[in-house]
């Protein structure tokens, strides 16, 4: 057997190296293909079992601040600060921490509903009572409508009571209506008399409020926010006044107190001086059914 020397030996070594390089290349190609295949399978399976959720650019609805001069805001504020007489506002909203429909007594329901009654809602029946007073009538349908104006659809109220109410108008120069329900006609028979009551007088208004904010919520409801202080003025033996200003109906959270105040001093008391320390009442009004009519829903004092 002969020996390969020189070029023959070199050629054989080159062939061996070439085969070795080819083996490495094949291995690299196999590894790369395997990695690519793995990635493709992973992406495919991930897409099947974890589909991407479509992202939407749905805007987030927020409450919208409304100007205090807006007619809706002014009307709603008048509803809750309403007084049937020339005295201070009725106190249901200022004395209760929270008010809902269930808070109202039967008399209070009528108090707020009858503010919508107009003089033309009454019709003379042609009859007189035993004192020769003319008897007028207002239909229960109208009373129900006015109840719904304030309290919304589904409001329940009793007709089994006598209602005495000072209207803002007069019939035969008389403004206090005495109303009794008549089942036969489904109406309230009413006689009118003069208001002979003596209104309670105060040295200073017992409740001072100021509308400070109003918002319209995405569902169409309104929230109006009032700042309120409670003022007590007691006359001292020297003829001057002891004054307590607080942020609650019971006078437990006192903001300021003073003695020897004159009547001129009392006139200088305003809610604007105490806005930062005053109580905050939030009134909420909801949309009635599919209409755009707003009715009272709740109030809360903080």
C-alpha atoms as a PDB file:
ATOM      1  CA  UNK A   1       0.000   0.000   0.000  1.00  0.00           C
ATOM      2  CA  UNK A   2       1.327   3.408  -1.012  1.00  0.00           C
ATOM      3  CA  UNK A   3       1.376   6.692   0.890  1.00  0.00           C
ATOM      4  CA  UNK A   4      -0.267   9.992  -0.291  1.00  0.00           C
ATOM      5  CA  UNK A   5       2.026  12.885  -0.036  1.00  0.00           C
ATOM      6  CA  UNK A   6       2.004  16.530  -1.070  1.00  0.00           C
ATOM      7  CA  UNK A   7      -1.023  17.652  -3.084  1.00  0.00           C
ATOM      8  CA  UNK A   8      -2.884  14.354  -2.695  1.00  0.00           C
ATOM      9  CA  UNK A   9      -2.798  14.629   1.063  1.00  0.00           C
ATOM     10  CA  UNK A  10      -3.896  18.289   0.949  1.00  0.00           C
ATOM     11  CA  UNK A  11      -6.824  17.478  -1.335  1.00  0.00           C
ATOM     12  CA  UNK A  12      -8.077  14.778   0.971  1.00  0.00           C
ATOM     13  CA  UNK A  13      -7.953  17.165   3.933  1.00  0.00           C
ATOM     14  CA  UNK A  14      -9.920  19.769   2.002  1.00  0.00           C
ATOM     15  CA  UNK A  15     -12.612  17.222   1.171  1.00  0.00           C
ATOM     16  CA  UNK A  16     -12.873  16.264   4.819  1.00  0.00           C
ATOM     17  CA  UNK A  17     -13.172  19.937   5.845  1.00  0.00           C
ATOM     18  CA  UNK A  18     -15.808  20.571   3.174  1.00  0.00           C
ATOM     19  CA  UNK A  19     -17.887  17.615   4.382  1.00  0.00           C
ATOM     20  CA  UNK A  20     -17.525  18.876   7.941  1.00  0.00           C
ATOM     21  CA  UNK A  21     -18.661  22.385   6.949  1.00  0.00           C
ATOM     22  CA  UNK A  22     -21.614  20.970   5.033  1.00  0.00           C
ATOM     23  CA  UNK A  23     -22.689  19.000   8.095  1.00  0.00           C
ATOM     24  CA  UNK A  24     -22.534  22.157  10.240  1.00  0.00           C
ATOM     25  CA  UNK A  25     -24.540  24.135   7.673  1.00  0.00           C
ATOM     26  CA  UNK A  26     -27.223  21.441   7.504  1.00  0.00           C
ATOM     27  CA  UNK A  27     -27.432  21.434  11.303  1.00  0.00           C
ATOM     28  CA  UNK A  28     -27.759  25.228  11.402  1.00  0.00           C
ATOM     29  CA  UNK A  29     -30.449  25.149   8.701  1.00  0.00           C
ATOM     30  CA  UNK A  30     -32.370  22.462  10.610  1.00  0.00           C
ATOM     31  CA  UNK A  31     -32.151  24.477  13.840  1.00  0.00           C
ATOM     32  CA  UNK A  32     -33.269  27.698  12.119  1.00  0.00           C
ATOM     33  CA  UNK A  33     -36.184  25.944  10.388  1.00  0.00           C
ATOM     34  CA  UNK A  34     -37.205  24.342  13.683  1.00  0.00           C
ATOM     35  CA  UNK A  35     -37.119  27.691  15.463  1.00  0.00           C
ATOM     36  CA  UNK A  36     -39.180  29.354  12.716  1.00  0.00           C
ATOM     37  CA  UNK A  37     -41.666  26.473  12.776  1.00  0.00           C
ATOM     38  CA  UNK A  38     -41.950  26.754  16.553  1.00  0.00           C
ATOM     39  CA  UNK A  39     -42.591  30.497  16.362  1.00  0.00           C
ATOM     40  CA  UNK A  40     -45.230  30.052  13.654  1.00  0.00           C
ATOM     41  CA  UNK A  41     -47.011  27.311  15.610  1.00  0.00           C
ATOM     42  CA  UNK A  42     -46.878  29.417  18.784  1.00  0.00           C
ATOM     43  CA  UNK A  43     -48.338  32.464  17.033  1.00  0.00           C
ATOM     44  CA  UNK A  44     -51.042  30.341  15.418  1.00  0.00           C
ATOM     45  CA  UNK A  45     -52.088  28.671  18.651  1.00  0.00           C
ATOM     46  CA  UNK A  46     -51.940  31.967  20.572  1.00  0.00           C
ATOM     47  CA  UNK A  47     -54.210  33.564  17.997  1.00  0.00           C
ATOM     48  CA  UNK A  48     -56.707  30.726  18.321  1.00  0.00           C
ATOM     49  CA  UNK A  49     -56.841  30.514  22.096  1.00  0.00           C
ATOM     50  CA  UNK A  50     -56.189  34.161  22.922  1.00  0.00           C
ATOM     51  CA  UNK A  51     -57.860  36.217  20.248  1.00  0.00           C
ATOM     52  CA  UNK A  52     -57.151  39.903  20.425  1.00  0.00           C
ATOM     53  CA  UNK A  53     -60.031  41.932  21.707  1.00  0.00           C
ATOM     54  CA  UNK A  54     -61.046  44.728  19.462  1.00  0.00           C
ATOM     55  CA  UNK A  55     -60.318  48.043  21.040  1.00  0.00           C
ATOM     56  CA  UNK A  56     -62.942  50.714  20.701  1.00  0.00           C
ATOM     57  CA  UNK A  57     -62.574  54.386  21.271  1.00  0.00           C
ATOM     58  CA  UNK A  58     -65.853  54.744  23.165  1.00  0.00           C
ATOM     59  CA  UNK A  59     -65.832  58.129  24.862  1.00  0.00           C
ATOM     60  CA  UNK A  60     -66.225  58.195  28.648  1.00  0.00           C
ATOM     61  CA  UNK A  61     -69.398  60.070  29.532  1.00  0.00           C
ATOM     62  CA  UNK A  62     -69.019  62.600  32.315  1.00  0.00           C
ATOM     63  CA  UNK A  63     -71.237  65.077  34.097  1.00  0.00           C
ATOM     64  CA  UNK A  64     -71.562  68.466  32.478  1.00  0.00           C
ATOM     65  CA  UNK A  65     -71.481  71.642  34.539  1.00  0.00           C
ATOM     66  CA  UNK A  66     -74.470  73.852  33.802  1.00  0.00           C
ATOM     67  CA  UNK A  67     -74.711  77.634  34.259  1.00  0.00           C
ATOM     68  CA  UNK A  68     -76.719  78.743  37.274  1.00  0.00           C
ATOM     69  CA  UNK A  69     -78.688  81.048  34.976  1.00  0.00           C
ATOM     70  CA  UNK A  70     -80.019  78.131  32.904  1.00  0.00           C
ATOM     71  CA  UNK A  71     -83.817  77.991  33.046  1.00  0.00           C
ATOM     72  CA  UNK A  72     -83.897  74.328  34.143  1.00  0.00           C
ATOM     73  CA  UNK A  73     -81.532  75.041  37.014  1.00  0.00           C
ATOM     74  CA  UNK A  74     -83.462  78.098  38.195  1.00  0.00           C
ATOM     75  CA  UNK A  75     -86.816  76.271  38.028  1.00  0.00           C
ATOM     76  CA  UNK A  76     -85.517  73.248  39.945  1.00  0.00           C
ATOM     77  CA  UNK A  77     -83.994  75.434  42.643  1.00  0.00           C
ATOM     78  CA  UNK A  78     -87.290  77.273  43.034  1.00  0.00           C
ATOM     79  CA  UNK A  79     -89.041  73.913  43.497  1.00  0.00           C
ATOM     80  CA  UNK A  80     -86.982  72.957  46.539  1.00  0.00           C
ATOM     81  CA  UNK A  81     -86.870  76.429  48.115  1.00  0.00           C
ATOM     82  CA  UNK A  82     -90.602  76.913  47.627  1.00  0.00           C
ATOM     83  CA  UNK A  83     -92.736  78.606  50.255  1.00  0.00           C
ATOM     84  CA  UNK A  84     -96.505  78.820  49.978  1.00  0.00           C
ATOM     85  CA  UNK A  85     -96.479  81.864  52.245  1.00  0.00           C
ATOM     86  CA  UNK A  86     -94.330  84.950  52.595  1.00  0.00           C
ATOM     87  CA  UNK A  87     -92.448  83.319  55.442  1.00  0.00           C
ATOM     88  CA  UNK A  88     -89.280  81.221  55.221  1.00  0.00           C
ATOM     89  CA  UNK A  89     -89.075  78.212  52.946  1.00  0.00           C
ATOM     90  CA  UNK A  90     -90.637  74.954  54.061  1.00  0.00           C
ATOM     91  CA  UNK A  91     -88.153  72.995  56.132  1.00  0.00           C
ATOM     92  CA  UNK A  92     -88.303  69.377  54.871  1.00  0.00           C
ATOM     93  CA  UNK A  93     -85.081  69.727  52.879  1.00  0.00           C
ATOM     94  CA  UNK A  94     -83.178  71.728  55.498  1.00  0.00           C
ATOM     95  CA  UNK A  95     -83.985  69.615  58.549  1.00  0.00           C
ATOM     96  CA  UNK A  96     -83.517  66.093  57.094  1.00  0.00           C
ATOM     97  CA  UNK A  97     -80.071  64.731  56.262  1.00  0.00           C
ATOM     98  CA  UNK A  98     -81.579  62.745  53.402  1.00  0.00           C
ATOM     99  CA  UNK A  99     -84.944  63.134  51.675  1.00  0.00           C
ATOM    100  CA  UNK A 100     -86.605  60.678  49.295  1.00  0.00           C
ATOM    101  CA  UNK A 101     -90.215  60.179  48.226  1.00  0.00           C
ATOM    102  CA  UNK A 102     -90.800  58.080  51.353  1.00  0.00           C
ATOM    103  CA  UNK A 103     -89.815  61.020  53.584  1.00  0.00           C
ATOM    104  CA  UNK A 104     -92.840  63.131  52.652  1.00  0.00           C
ATOM    105  CA  UNK A 105     -96.023  63.041  54.702  1.00  0.00           C
ATOM    106  CA  UNK A 106     -99.333  63.137  52.842  1.00  0.00           C
ATOM    107  CA  UNK A 107     -99.741  66.812  53.714  1.00  0.00           C
ATOM    108  CA  UNK A 108     -96.240  67.577  52.436  1.00  0.00           C
ATOM    109  CA  UNK A 109     -96.964  65.874  49.125  1.00  0.00           C
ATOM    110  CA  UNK A 110     -99.920  68.204  48.617  1.00  0.00           C
ATOM    111  CA  UNK A 111     -97.853  71.173  49.771  1.00  0.00           C
ATOM    112  CA  UNK A 112     -95.407  70.751  46.908  1.00  0.00           C
ATOM    113  CA  UNK A 113     -97.887  69.519  44.286  1.00  0.00           C
ATOM    114  CA  UNK A 114    -100.375  72.370  44.785  1.00  0.00           C
ATOM    115  CA  UNK A 115     -97.774  74.987  43.875  1.00  0.00           C
ATOM    116  CA  UNK A 116     -98.578  74.187  40.213  1.00  0.00           C
ATOM    117  CA  UNK A 117    -102.327  74.788  40.512  1.00  0.00           C
ATOM    118  CA  UNK A 118    -103.711  77.708  38.500  1.00  0.00           C
ATOM    119  CA  UNK A 119    -106.876  79.666  39.214  1.00  0.00           C
ATOM    120  CA  UNK A 120    -108.481  78.284  36.030  1.00  0.00           C
ATOM    121  CA  UNK A 121    -108.145  74.737  37.394  1.00  0.00           C
ATOM    122  CA  UNK A 122    -111.092  75.443  39.708  1.00  0.00           C
ATOM    123  CA  UNK A 123    -114.669  75.395  38.464  1.00  0.00           C
ATOM    124  CA  UNK A 124    -117.706  76.645  40.357  1.00  0.00           C
ATOM    125  CA  UNK A 125    -120.034  73.715  41.020  1.00  0.00           C
ATOM    126  CA  UNK A 126    -123.109  75.913  41.374  1.00  0.00           C
ATOM    127  CA  UNK A 127    -123.530  74.803  44.994  1.00  0.00           C
ATOM    128  CA  UNK A 128    -123.055  76.575  48.334  1.00  0.00           C
ATOM    129  CA  UNK A 129    -122.031  75.141  51.689  1.00  0.00           C
ATOM    130  CA  UNK A 130    -123.995  75.669  54.902  1.00  0.00           C
ATOM    131  CA  UNK A 131    -122.253  79.023  55.371  1.00  0.00           C
ATOM    132  CA  UNK A 132    -123.204  80.103  51.841  1.00  0.00           C
ATOM    133  CA  UNK A 133    -119.656  79.834  50.599  1.00  0.00           C
ATOM    134  CA  UNK A 134    -119.376  78.940  46.940  1.00  0.00           C
ATOM    135  CA  UNK A 135    -118.087  75.415  46.338  1.00  0.00           C
ATOM    136  CA  UNK A 136    -115.466  75.028  43.653  1.00  0.00           C
ATOM    137  CA  UNK A 137    -114.068  71.825  42.225  1.00  0.00           C
ATOM    138  CA  UNK A 138    -110.689  70.665  40.931  1.00  0.00           C
ATOM    139  CA  UNK A 139    -110.426  67.216  39.325  1.00  0.00           C
ATOM    140  CA  UNK A 140    -108.314  64.495  40.864  1.00  0.00           C
ATOM    141  CA  UNK A 141    -106.740  64.016  37.426  1.00  0.00           C
ATOM    142  CA  UNK A 142    -105.232  67.491  37.698  1.00  0.00           C
ATOM    143  CA  UNK A 143    -104.052  66.852  41.250  1.00  0.00           C
ATOM    144  CA  UNK A 144    -102.424  63.617  40.064  1.00  0.00           C
ATOM    145  CA  UNK A 145    -100.736  65.461  37.197  1.00  0.00           C
ATOM    146  CA  UNK A 146     -99.313  68.033  39.597  1.00  0.00           C
ATOM    147  CA  UNK A 147     -98.172  65.307  41.988  1.00  0.00           C
ATOM    148  CA  UNK A 148     -96.288  63.738  39.092  1.00  0.00           C
ATOM    149  CA  UNK A 149     -94.744  67.086  38.165  1.00  0.00           C
ATOM    150  CA  UNK A 150     -92.865  67.091  41.431  1.00  0.00           C
ATOM    151  CA  UNK A 151     -92.598  63.423  42.435  1.00  0.00           C
ATOM    152  CA  UNK A 152     -92.669  61.550  39.121  1.00  0.00           C
ATOM    153  CA  UNK A 153     -94.790  58.713  37.743  1.00  0.00           C
ATOM    154  CA  UNK A 154     -96.173  56.190  40.180  1.00  0.00           C
ATOM    155  CA  UNK A 155     -96.419  58.585  43.114  1.00  0.00           C
ATOM    156  CA  UNK A 156     -99.052  57.450  45.598  1.00  0.00           C
ATOM    157  CA  UNK A 157    -101.036  59.875  47.725  1.00  0.00           C
ATOM    158  CA  UNK A 158    -104.050  59.654  49.991  1.00  0.00           C
ATOM    159  CA  UNK A 159    -107.334  61.442  49.307  1.00  0.00           C
ATOM    160  CA  UNK A 160    -108.640  60.677  52.783  1.00  0.00           C
ATOM    161  CA  UNK A 161    -107.730  63.988  54.394  1.00  0.00           C
ATOM    162  CA  UNK A 162    -108.764  67.631  54.467  1.00  0.00           C
ATOM    163  CA  UNK A 163    -106.242  69.951  52.887  1.00  0.00           C
ATOM    164  CA  UNK A 164    -105.833  73.595  53.855  1.00  0.00           C
ATOM    165  CA  UNK A 165    -103.571  75.434  51.487  1.00  0.00           C
ATOM    166  CA  UNK A 166    -102.717  79.116  50.906  1.00  0.00           C
ATOM    167  CA  UNK A 167    -102.709  79.598  47.132  1.00  0.00           C
ATOM    168  CA  UNK A 168    -100.764  82.315  45.356  1.00  0.00           C
ATOM    169  CA  UNK A 169    -104.024  83.546  43.765  1.00  0.00           C
ATOM    170  CA  UNK A 170    -107.429  84.547  45.136  1.00  0.00           C
ATOM    171  CA  UNK A 171    -110.980  83.598  44.256  1.00  0.00           C
ATOM    172  CA  UNK A 172    -113.599  86.088  45.449  1.00  0.00           C
ATOM    173  CA  UNK A 173    -110.763  87.888  47.239  1.00  0.00           C
ATOM    174  CA  UNK A 174    -109.959  84.746  49.254  1.00  0.00           C
ATOM    175  CA  UNK A 175    -106.829  82.658  48.834  1.00  0.00           C
ATOM    176  CA  UNK A 176    -106.904  79.814  51.399  1.00  0.00           C
ATOM    177  CA  UNK A 177    -108.510  76.715  49.938  1.00  0.00           C
ATOM    178  CA  UNK A 178    -110.165  74.072  52.129  1.00  0.00           C
ATOM    179  CA  UNK A 179    -110.162  70.938  49.982  1.00  0.00           C
ATOM    180  CA  UNK A 180    -112.057  67.683  50.524  1.00  0.00           C
ATOM    181  CA  UNK A 181    -112.148  64.753  48.151  1.00  0.00           C
ATOM    182  CA  UNK A 182    -115.544  63.784  46.644  1.00  0.00           C
ATOM    183  CA  UNK A 183    -115.618  60.147  45.572  1.00  0.00           C
ATOM    184  CA  UNK A 184    -118.737  60.591  43.393  1.00  0.00           C
ATOM    185  CA  UNK A 185    -117.071  63.114  41.094  1.00  0.00           C
ATOM    186  CA  UNK A 186    -113.438  62.065  41.648  1.00  0.00           C
ATOM    187  CA  UNK A 187    -112.583  65.648  42.440  1.00  0.00           C
ATOM    188  CA  UNK A 188    -111.762  67.905  45.364  1.00  0.00           C
ATOM    189  CA  UNK A 189    -114.584  70.184  46.464  1.00  0.00           C
ATOM    190  CA  UNK A 190    -113.053  73.417  47.683  1.00  0.00           C
ATOM    191  CA  UNK A 191    -114.241  76.513  49.486  1.00  0.00           C
ATOM    192  CA  UNK A 192    -112.081  79.600  49.820  1.00  0.00           C
ATOM    193  CA  UNK A 193    -111.613  81.733  52.887  1.00  0.00           C
ATOM    194  CA  UNK A 194    -109.486  84.715  53.833  1.00  0.00           C
ATOM    195  CA  UNK A 195    -106.123  84.093  55.378  1.00  0.00           C
ATOM    196  CA  UNK A 196    -106.509  85.273  58.961  1.00  0.00           C
ATOM    197  CA  UNK A 197    -103.382  83.601  60.308  1.00  0.00           C
ATOM    198  CA  UNK A 198    -100.582  85.678  61.737  1.00  0.00           C
ATOM    199  CA  UNK A 199     -97.328  84.798  60.007  1.00  0.00           C
ATOM    200  CA  UNK A 200     -94.453  83.916  62.277  1.00  0.00           C
ATOM    201  CA  UNK A 201     -91.881  86.671  62.296  1.00  0.00           C
ATOM    202  CA  UNK A 202     -88.133  86.293  62.619  1.00  0.00           C
ATOM    203  CA  UNK A 203     -85.494  88.832  63.502  1.00  0.00           C
ATOM    204  CA  UNK A 204     -83.384  87.211  60.781  1.00  0.00           C
ATOM    205  CA  UNK A 205     -84.034  84.452  58.235  1.00  0.00           C
ATOM    206  CA  UNK A 206     -83.618  81.059  59.942  1.00  0.00           C
ATOM    207  CA  UNK A 207     -82.171  79.462  56.764  1.00  0.00           C
ATOM    208  CA  UNK A 208     -79.926  81.204  54.299  1.00  0.00           C
ATOM    209  CA  UNK A 209     -79.033  79.346  51.145  1.00  0.00           C
ATOM    210  CA  UNK A 210     -77.179  79.990  47.937  1.00  0.00           C
ATOM    211  CA  UNK A 211     -77.128  77.927  44.751  1.00  0.00           C
ATOM    212  CA  UNK A 212     -73.448  77.359  43.928  1.00  0.00           C
ATOM    213  CA  UNK A 213     -73.215  74.534  41.346  1.00  0.00           C
ATOM    214  CA  UNK A 214     -75.342  72.593  38.876  1.00  0.00           C
ATOM    215  CA  UNK A 215     -74.588  69.500  36.783  1.00  0.00           C
ATOM    216  CA  UNK A 216     -76.316  67.530  34.065  1.00  0.00           C
ATOM    217  CA  UNK A 217     -75.443  63.834  34.257  1.00  0.00           C
ATOM    218  CA  UNK A 218     -75.074  61.498  31.252  1.00  0.00           C
ATOM    219  CA  UNK A 219     -78.535  59.980  31.867  1.00  0.00           C
ATOM    220  CA  UNK A 220     -80.142  63.425  31.635  1.00  0.00           C
ATOM    221  CA  UNK A 221     -80.675  63.874  35.376  1.00  0.00           C
ATOM    222  CA  UNK A 222     -79.697  67.097  37.120  1.00  0.00           C
ATOM    223  CA  UNK A 223     -77.852  67.724  40.355  1.00  0.00           C
ATOM    224  CA  UNK A 224     -77.999  71.161  41.899  1.00  0.00           C
ATOM    225  CA  UNK A 225     -75.866  72.071  44.883  1.00  0.00           C
ATOM    226  CA  UNK A 226     -76.756  74.606  47.541  1.00  0.00           C
ATOM    227  CA  UNK A 227     -74.749  76.032  50.425  1.00  0.00           C
ATOM    228  CA  UNK A 228     -76.818  76.632  53.566  1.00  0.00           C
ATOM    229  CA  UNK A 229     -76.431  78.129  57.028  1.00  0.00           C
ATOM    230  CA  UNK A 230     -78.862  78.010  59.951  1.00  0.00           C
ATOM    231  CA  UNK A 231     -79.295  81.205  61.934  1.00  0.00           C
ATOM    232  CA  UNK A 232     -80.774  81.571  65.416  1.00  0.00           C
ATOM    233  CA  UNK A 233     -81.284  85.009  66.935  1.00  0.00           C
ATOM    234  CA  UNK A 234     -82.487  85.199  70.542  1.00  0.00           C
ATOM    235  CA  UNK A 235     -83.402  88.517  72.091  1.00  0.00           C
ATOM    236  CA  UNK A 236     -81.445  89.379  75.208  1.00  0.00           C
ATOM    237  CA  UNK A 237     -82.733  91.259  78.243  1.00  0.00           C
ATOM    238  CA  UNK A 238     -81.006  94.410  76.995  1.00  0.00           C
ATOM    239  CA  UNK A 239     -82.964  94.316  73.740  1.00  0.00           C
ATOM    240  CA  UNK A 240     -80.007  93.143  71.679  1.00  0.00           C
ATOM    241  CA  UNK A 241     -79.529  89.676  70.195  1.00  0.00           C
ATOM    242  CA  UNK A 242     -77.515  86.561  70.809  1.00  0.00           C
ATOM    243  CA  UNK A 243     -76.792  85.055  67.390  1.00  0.00           C
ATOM    244  CA  UNK A 244     -75.710  81.511  66.580  1.00  0.00           C
ATOM    245  CA  UNK A 245     -74.783  80.471  63.052  1.00  0.00           C
ATOM    246  CA  UNK A 246     -74.473  76.748  62.479  1.00  0.00           C
ATOM    247  CA  UNK A 247     -74.285  74.199  59.685  1.00  0.00           C
ATOM    248  CA  UNK A 248     -77.063  71.879  60.888  1.00  0.00           C
ATOM    249  CA  UNK A 249     -80.745  72.154  61.771  1.00  0.00           C
ATOM    250  CA  UNK A 250     -80.245  71.257  65.449  1.00  0.00           C
ATOM    251  CA  UNK A 251     -77.513  73.872  65.939  1.00  0.00           C
ATOM    252  CA  UNK A 252     -74.941  71.341  67.126  1.00  0.00           C
ATOM    253  CA  UNK A 253     -72.226  72.248  64.603  1.00  0.00           C
ATOM    254  CA  UNK A 254     -71.708  75.905  65.400  1.00  0.00           C
ATOM    255  CA  UNK A 255     -69.838  78.049  62.887  1.00  0.00           C
ATOM    256  CA  UNK A 256     -69.966  81.291  64.828  1.00  0.00           C
ATOM    257  CA  UNK A 257     -71.744  82.765  67.831  1.00  0.00           C
ATOM    258  CA  UNK A 258     -71.933  86.288  69.203  1.00  0.00           C
ATOM    259  CA  UNK A 259     -73.850  88.419  71.707  1.00  0.00           C
ATOM    260  CA  UNK A 260     -75.086  92.009  71.880  1.00  0.00           C
ATOM    261  CA  UNK A 261     -75.915  92.130  68.195  1.00  0.00           C
ATOM    262  CA  UNK A 262     -78.143  94.947  66.942  1.00  0.00           C
ATOM    263  CA  UNK A 263     -80.868  94.664  64.316  1.00  0.00           C
ATOM    264  CA  UNK A 264     -78.478  96.335  61.876  1.00  0.00           C
ATOM    265  CA  UNK A 265     -75.926  93.622  62.673  1.00  0.00           C
ATOM    266  CA  UNK A 266     -78.532  90.991  61.837  1.00  0.00           C
ATOM    267  CA  UNK A 267     -79.114  92.573  58.426  1.00  0.00           C
ATOM    268  CA  UNK A 268     -75.414  92.138  57.661  1.00  0.00           C
ATOM    269  CA  UNK A 269     -75.565  88.341  58.039  1.00  0.00           C
ATOM    270  CA  UNK A 270     -75.271  86.730  54.606  1.00  0.00           C
ATOM    271  CA  UNK A 271     -74.568  83.211  53.359  1.00  0.00           C
ATOM    272  CA  UNK A 272     -71.703  84.552  51.226  1.00  0.00           C
ATOM    273  CA  UNK A 273     -69.602  85.162  54.359  1.00  0.00           C
ATOM    274  CA  UNK A 274     -69.770  81.488  55.347  1.00  0.00           C
ATOM    275  CA  UNK A 275     -69.653  79.546  52.073  1.00  0.00           C
ATOM    276  CA  UNK A 276     -66.513  77.623  53.033  1.00  0.00           C
ATOM    277  CA  UNK A 277     -68.021  76.452  56.333  1.00  0.00           C
ATOM    278  CA  UNK A 278     -71.684  76.114  55.351  1.00  0.00           C
ATOM    279  CA  UNK A 279     -73.604  72.864  54.942  1.00  0.00           C
ATOM    280  CA  UNK A 280     -73.874  71.455  51.418  1.00  0.00           C
ATOM    281  CA  UNK A 281     -77.210  70.173  50.091  1.00  0.00           C
ATOM    282  CA  UNK A 282     -77.238  68.166  46.860  1.00  0.00           C
ATOM    283  CA  UNK A 283     -80.623  67.874  45.159  1.00  0.00           C
ATOM    284  CA  UNK A 284     -81.063  65.218  42.465  1.00  0.00           C
ATOM    285  CA  UNK A 285     -83.761  65.357  39.805  1.00  0.00           C
ATOM    286  CA  UNK A 286     -84.457  62.480  37.414  1.00  0.00           C
ATOM    287  CA  UNK A 287     -86.034  62.312  33.964  1.00  0.00           C
ATOM    288  CA  UNK A 288     -89.674  61.196  34.032  1.00  0.00           C
ATOM    289  CA  UNK A 289     -90.214  58.235  31.666  1.00  0.00           C
ATOM    290  CA  UNK A 290     -89.277  59.007  28.062  1.00  0.00           C
ATOM    291  CA  UNK A 291     -90.061  62.696  28.397  1.00  0.00           C
ATOM    292  CA  UNK A 292     -87.620  65.418  29.293  1.00  0.00           C
ATOM    293  CA  UNK A 293     -89.577  66.412  32.408  1.00  0.00           C
ATOM    294  CA  UNK A 294     -87.478  66.375  35.560  1.00  0.00           C
ATOM    295  CA  UNK A 295     -88.907  65.348  38.935  1.00  0.00           C
ATOM    296  CA  UNK A 296     -87.506  65.373  42.461  1.00  0.00           C
ATOM    297  CA  UNK A 297     -85.586  62.202  43.320  1.00  0.00           C
ATOM    298  CA  UNK A 298     -83.582  62.893  46.490  1.00  0.00           C
ATOM    299  CA  UNK A 299     -81.635  65.396  48.541  1.00  0.00           C
ATOM    300  CA  UNK A 300     -78.718  64.930  50.908  1.00  0.00           C
ATOM    301  CA  UNK A 301     -76.950  67.219  53.372  1.00  0.00           C
ATOM    302  CA  UNK A 302     -73.217  66.967  54.003  1.00  0.00           C
END
